[in-house]
Amino acid sequence: MDPKRTLNFLDSCAFDPKYSPEHEASEKLRRLSDEGVIVLNLAHSNQKEIAHPNTPDWVKREAAGHTYSIETSLTHSEIKQKAVINSILAGNGMPEKFAADATHVFEAGKYCGYFITTDERILKKKAQLEKVCAAVIVKPSQLLEILDGQA
């Protein structure tokens, strides 16, 4: 899948990972987006996280410049798929704590795109999640490797 020709969904935590090499990769992806090389989108479910008082102002400003998916009514099969994603993420935990993350992954899968994240819980369950949805889950540095491989 060519990241230059598909929807790429950026998780809110991937804006500012605070560790190398993901921090630098995230900056480069945002620069490539500004230059029109790739398109970075955000799931509608990211808006609440970005609006949180602890989110840095620069992240809020940066996020405001991206396109968000629009929340729509889901079909019966989409509701089931989202529930499976939530179940995978929650494991033995409380599913309601992972509902937003499940929506982020679901949205990327719904539009058959990349989901760029640094969330370790999501990354650890990447193989399981990719079996139930069309999202390709990557770290910022991994998406850059894919882009570099196409050059």
C-alpha atoms as a PDB file:
ATOM      1  CA  MET A   1       0.000   0.000   0.000  1.00  0.00           C
ATOM      2  CA  ASP A   2       1.461   3.327  -1.059  1.00  0.00           C
ATOM      3  CA  PRO A   3       1.292   5.925   1.757  1.00  0.00           C
ATOM      4  CA  LYS A   4       1.365   8.649  -0.912  1.00  0.00           C
ATOM      5  CA  ARG A   5      -1.912   7.355  -2.340  1.00  0.00           C
ATOM      6  CA  THR A   6      -3.842   6.266   0.711  1.00  0.00           C
ATOM      7  CA  LEU A   7      -5.228   7.728   3.891  1.00  0.00           C
ATOM      8  CA  ASN A   8      -2.739   7.840   6.730  1.00  0.00           C
ATOM      9  CA  PHE A   9      -4.248   8.234  10.183  1.00  0.00           C
ATOM     10  CA  LEU A  10      -2.039   9.793  12.829  1.00  0.00           C
ATOM     11  CA  ASP A  11      -2.702   8.822  16.439  1.00  0.00           C
ATOM     12  CA  SER A  12      -2.551  11.804  18.784  1.00  0.00           C
ATOM     13  CA  CYS A  13       0.374  10.235  20.686  1.00  0.00           C
ATOM     14  CA  ALA A  14       2.384  10.125  17.449  1.00  0.00           C
ATOM     15  CA  PHE A  15       2.495  13.928  17.238  1.00  0.00           C
ATOM     16  CA  ASP A  16       5.037  14.150  20.046  1.00  0.00           C
ATOM     17  CA  PRO A  17       6.497  10.737  20.966  1.00  0.00           C
ATOM     18  CA  LYS A  18       9.288  12.296  23.092  1.00  0.00           C
ATOM     19  CA  TYR A  19      11.845   9.594  22.219  1.00  0.00           C
ATOM     20  CA  SER A  20      14.150   8.804  19.320  1.00  0.00           C
ATOM     21  CA  PRO A  21      13.815   7.844  16.578  1.00  0.00           C
ATOM     22  CA  GLU A  22      10.027   8.278  16.680  1.00  0.00           C
ATOM     23  CA  HIS A  23      10.109  11.963  17.609  1.00  0.00           C
ATOM     24  CA  GLU A  24      12.253  12.842  14.591  1.00  0.00           C
ATOM     25  CA  ALA A  25      10.235  10.541  12.322  1.00  0.00           C
ATOM     26  CA  SER A  26       7.007  12.197  13.435  1.00  0.00           C
ATOM     27  CA  GLU A  27       8.440  15.626  12.674  1.00  0.00           C
ATOM     28  CA  LYS A  28       9.499  14.467   9.210  1.00  0.00           C
ATOM     29  CA  LEU A  29       6.078  12.940   8.481  1.00  0.00           C
ATOM     30  CA  ARG A  30       4.377  16.186   9.453  1.00  0.00           C
ATOM     31  CA  ARG A  31       6.824  18.103   7.225  1.00  0.00           C
ATOM     32  CA  LEU A  32       6.075  15.729   4.310  1.00  0.00           C
ATOM     33  CA  SER A  33       2.386  16.336   4.930  1.00  0.00           C
ATOM     34  CA  ASP A  34       2.910  20.111   4.876  1.00  0.00           C
ATOM     35  CA  GLU A  35       4.773  19.699   1.567  1.00  0.00           C
ATOM     36  CA  GLY A  36       1.896  17.651   0.091  1.00  0.00           C
ATOM     37  CA  VAL A  37       3.944  14.456  -0.280  1.00  0.00           C
ATOM     38  CA  ILE A  38       1.573  12.495   1.963  1.00  0.00           C
ATOM     39  CA  VAL A  39      -1.761  13.212   3.601  1.00  0.00           C
ATOM     40  CA  LEU A  40      -2.088  12.811   7.356  1.00  0.00           C
ATOM     41  CA  ASN A  41      -5.594  12.490   8.732  1.00  0.00           C
ATOM     42  CA  LEU A  42      -6.973  12.169  12.228  1.00  0.00           C
ATOM     43  CA  ALA A  43      -9.894  10.038  13.309  1.00  0.00           C
ATOM     44  CA  HIS A  44     -12.846  12.005  14.658  1.00  0.00           C
ATOM     45  CA  SER A  45     -12.233  10.198  17.948  1.00  0.00           C
ATOM     46  CA  ASN A  46      -8.866  11.979  18.344  1.00  0.00           C
ATOM     47  CA  GLN A  47     -10.548  15.344  18.845  1.00  0.00           C
ATOM     48  CA  LYS A  48     -11.345  14.722  22.512  1.00  0.00           C
ATOM     49  CA  GLU A  49      -7.746  13.657  23.243  1.00  0.00           C
ATOM     50  CA  ILE A  50      -6.322  16.673  21.448  1.00  0.00           C
ATOM     51  CA  ALA A  51      -8.695  19.012  23.275  1.00  0.00           C
ATOM     52  CA  HIS A  52      -7.468  17.682  26.658  1.00  0.00           C
ATOM     53  CA  PRO A  53      -5.954  20.448  28.843  1.00  0.00           C
ATOM     54  CA  ASN A  54      -2.626  18.550  29.118  1.00  0.00           C
ATOM     55  CA  THR A  55      -2.158  18.438  25.353  1.00  0.00           C
ATOM     56  CA  PRO A  56       0.537  20.954  24.353  1.00  0.00           C
ATOM     57  CA  ASP A  57      -0.753  24.014  22.508  1.00  0.00           C
ATOM     58  CA  TRP A  58       1.511  23.354  19.518  1.00  0.00           C
ATOM     59  CA  VAL A  59      -0.087  19.895  19.102  1.00  0.00           C
ATOM     60  CA  LYS A  60      -3.538  21.477  19.185  1.00  0.00           C
ATOM     61  CA  ARG A  61      -2.481  23.996  16.521  1.00  0.00           C
ATOM     62  CA  GLU A  62      -0.865  21.301  14.372  1.00  0.00           C
ATOM     63  CA  ALA A  63      -3.887  18.986  14.679  1.00  0.00           C
ATOM     64  CA  ALA A  64      -6.218  21.799  13.646  1.00  0.00           C
ATOM     65  CA  GLY A  65      -4.525  21.825  10.235  1.00  0.00           C
ATOM     66  CA  HIS A  66      -5.330  18.188   9.504  1.00  0.00           C
ATOM     67  CA  THR A  67      -8.455  16.597   8.106  1.00  0.00           C
ATOM     68  CA  TYR A  68     -10.565  14.554  10.503  1.00  0.00           C
ATOM     69  CA  SER A  69     -12.810  11.677   9.613  1.00  0.00           C
ATOM     70  CA  ILE A  70     -16.480  12.312  10.248  1.00  0.00           C
ATOM     71  CA  GLU A  71     -18.382  10.178  12.697  1.00  0.00           C
ATOM     72  CA  THR A  72     -21.066   8.281  10.843  1.00  0.00           C
ATOM     73  CA  SER A  73     -23.622   5.650  11.720  1.00  0.00           C
ATOM     74  CA  LEU A  74     -22.113   2.196  11.570  1.00  0.00           C
ATOM     75  CA  THR A  75     -23.518  -0.883   9.908  1.00  0.00           C
ATOM     76  CA  HIS A  76     -24.146  -3.972  11.990  1.00  0.00           C
ATOM     77  CA  SER A  77     -20.934  -5.596  10.748  1.00  0.00           C
ATOM     78  CA  GLU A  78     -18.924  -2.418  11.488  1.00  0.00           C
ATOM     79  CA  ILE A  79     -20.297  -2.354  15.038  1.00  0.00           C
ATOM     80  CA  LYS A  80     -19.183  -5.973  15.476  1.00  0.00           C
ATOM     81  CA  GLN A  81     -15.741  -5.272  14.003  1.00  0.00           C
ATOM     82  CA  LYS A  82     -15.214  -2.261  16.268  1.00  0.00           C
ATOM     83  CA  ALA A  83     -16.237  -4.389  19.277  1.00  0.00           C
ATOM     84  CA  VAL A  84     -13.666  -7.037  18.312  1.00  0.00           C
ATOM     85  CA  ILE A  85     -10.977  -4.354  18.034  1.00  0.00           C
ATOM     86  CA  ASN A  86     -11.973  -3.016  21.438  1.00  0.00           C
ATOM     87  CA  SER A  87     -11.862  -6.517  22.900  1.00  0.00           C
ATOM     88  CA  ILE A  88      -8.358  -7.102  21.530  1.00  0.00           C
ATOM     89  CA  LEU A  89      -7.109  -3.820  22.967  1.00  0.00           C
ATOM     90  CA  ALA A  90      -8.779  -4.317  26.343  1.00  0.00           C
ATOM     91  CA  GLY A  91      -7.624  -7.893  26.853  1.00  0.00           C
ATOM     92  CA  ASN A  92      -8.640  -8.659  30.430  1.00  0.00           C
ATOM     93  CA  GLY A  93      -9.025  -4.956  31.199  1.00  0.00           C
ATOM     94  CA  MET A  94     -12.047  -2.715  31.149  1.00  0.00           C
ATOM     95  CA  PRO A  95     -13.234  -2.271  27.521  1.00  0.00           C
ATOM     96  CA  GLU A  96     -14.555   1.252  28.121  1.00  0.00           C
ATOM     97  CA  LYS A  97     -10.996   2.423  28.832  1.00  0.00           C
ATOM     98  CA  PHE A  98      -9.953   1.428  25.305  1.00  0.00           C
ATOM     99  CA  ALA A  99     -13.024   2.565  23.362  1.00  0.00           C
ATOM    100  CA  ALA A 100     -11.319   5.669  21.936  1.00  0.00           C
ATOM    101  CA  ASP A 101      -8.250   3.712  20.803  1.00  0.00           C
ATOM    102  CA  ALA A 102     -10.533   1.085  19.268  1.00  0.00           C
ATOM    103  CA  THR A 103     -12.291   3.841  17.329  1.00  0.00           C
ATOM    104  CA  HIS A 104      -8.967   5.273  16.105  1.00  0.00           C
ATOM    105  CA  VAL A 105      -7.864   1.867  14.770  1.00  0.00           C
ATOM    106  CA  PHE A 106     -11.325   1.107  13.376  1.00  0.00           C
ATOM    107  CA  GLU A 107     -11.418   4.405  11.455  1.00  0.00           C
ATOM    108  CA  ALA A 108      -8.031   3.738   9.846  1.00  0.00           C
ATOM    109  CA  GLY A 109      -9.240   0.263   8.899  1.00  0.00           C
ATOM    110  CA  LYS A 110     -12.557   1.526   7.599  1.00  0.00           C
ATOM    111  CA  TYR A 111     -10.702   3.668   5.079  1.00  0.00           C
ATOM    112  CA  CYS A 112      -8.012   1.020   4.425  1.00  0.00           C
ATOM    113  CA  GLY A 113      -5.168   3.212   5.566  1.00  0.00           C
ATOM    114  CA  TYR A 114      -2.098   3.300   7.729  1.00  0.00           C
ATOM    115  CA  PHE A 115      -2.497   3.935  11.443  1.00  0.00           C
ATOM    116  CA  ILE A 116       0.594   5.716  12.736  1.00  0.00           C
ATOM    117  CA  THR A 117       1.034   5.350  16.475  1.00  0.00           C
ATOM    118  CA  THR A 118       3.532   5.066  19.284  1.00  0.00           C
ATOM    119  CA  ASP A 119       1.000   3.520  21.653  1.00  0.00           C
ATOM    120  CA  GLU A 120       2.699   0.359  22.927  1.00  0.00           C
ATOM    121  CA  ARG A 121      -0.592  -1.395  23.725  1.00  0.00           C
ATOM    122  CA  ILE A 122      -1.702  -1.000  20.119  1.00  0.00           C
ATOM    123  CA  LEU A 123       1.710  -1.901  18.702  1.00  0.00           C
ATOM    124  CA  LYS A 124       1.936  -5.077  20.825  1.00  0.00           C
ATOM    125  CA  LYS A 125      -1.413  -6.206  19.424  1.00  0.00           C
ATOM    126  CA  LYS A 126      -0.668  -5.163  15.837  1.00  0.00           C
ATOM    127  CA  ALA A 127      -0.853  -8.679  14.352  1.00  0.00           C
ATOM    128  CA  GLN A 128      -4.194  -9.436  16.022  1.00  0.00           C
ATOM    129  CA  LEU A 129      -5.662  -6.079  15.033  1.00  0.00           C
ATOM    130  CA  GLU A 130      -4.545  -6.347  11.418  1.00  0.00           C
ATOM    131  CA  LYS A 131      -6.324  -9.704  11.160  1.00  0.00           C
ATOM    132  CA  VAL A 132      -9.689  -8.092  11.919  1.00  0.00           C
ATOM    133  CA  CYS A 133      -9.385  -4.743  10.136  1.00  0.00           C
ATOM    134  CA  ALA A 134      -7.722  -3.291   7.060  1.00  0.00           C
ATOM    135  CA  ALA A 135      -5.539  -0.809   8.963  1.00  0.00           C
ATOM    136  CA  VAL A 136      -1.795  -1.235   8.637  1.00  0.00           C
ATOM    137  CA  ILE A 137      -0.398  -0.287  12.038  1.00  0.00           C
ATOM    138  CA  VAL A 138       3.041   1.342  12.037  1.00  0.00           C
ATOM    139  CA  LYS A 139       5.321   3.555  14.089  1.00  0.00           C
ATOM    140  CA  PRO A 140       6.286   6.886  12.489  1.00  0.00           C
ATOM    141  CA  SER A 141       9.765   5.521  11.687  1.00  0.00           C
ATOM    142  CA  GLN A 142       8.260   2.478   9.969  1.00  0.00           C
ATOM    143  CA  LEU A 143       6.122   4.640   7.685  1.00  0.00           C
ATOM    144  CA  LEU A 144       9.240   6.597   6.749  1.00  0.00           C
ATOM    145  CA  GLU A 145      10.994   3.307   5.895  1.00  0.00           C
ATOM    146  CA  ILE A 146       8.072   2.401   3.629  1.00  0.00           C
ATOM    147  CA  LEU A 147       8.270   5.809   1.954  1.00  0.00           C
ATOM    148  CA  ASP A 148      12.052   5.527   1.563  1.00  0.00           C
ATOM    149  CA  GLY A 149      11.645   2.094  -0.009  1.00  0.00           C
ATOM    150  CA  GLN A 150       9.472   3.621  -2.720  1.00  0.00           C
ATOM    151  CA  ALA A 151      11.930   6.384  -3.626  1.00  0.00           C
END
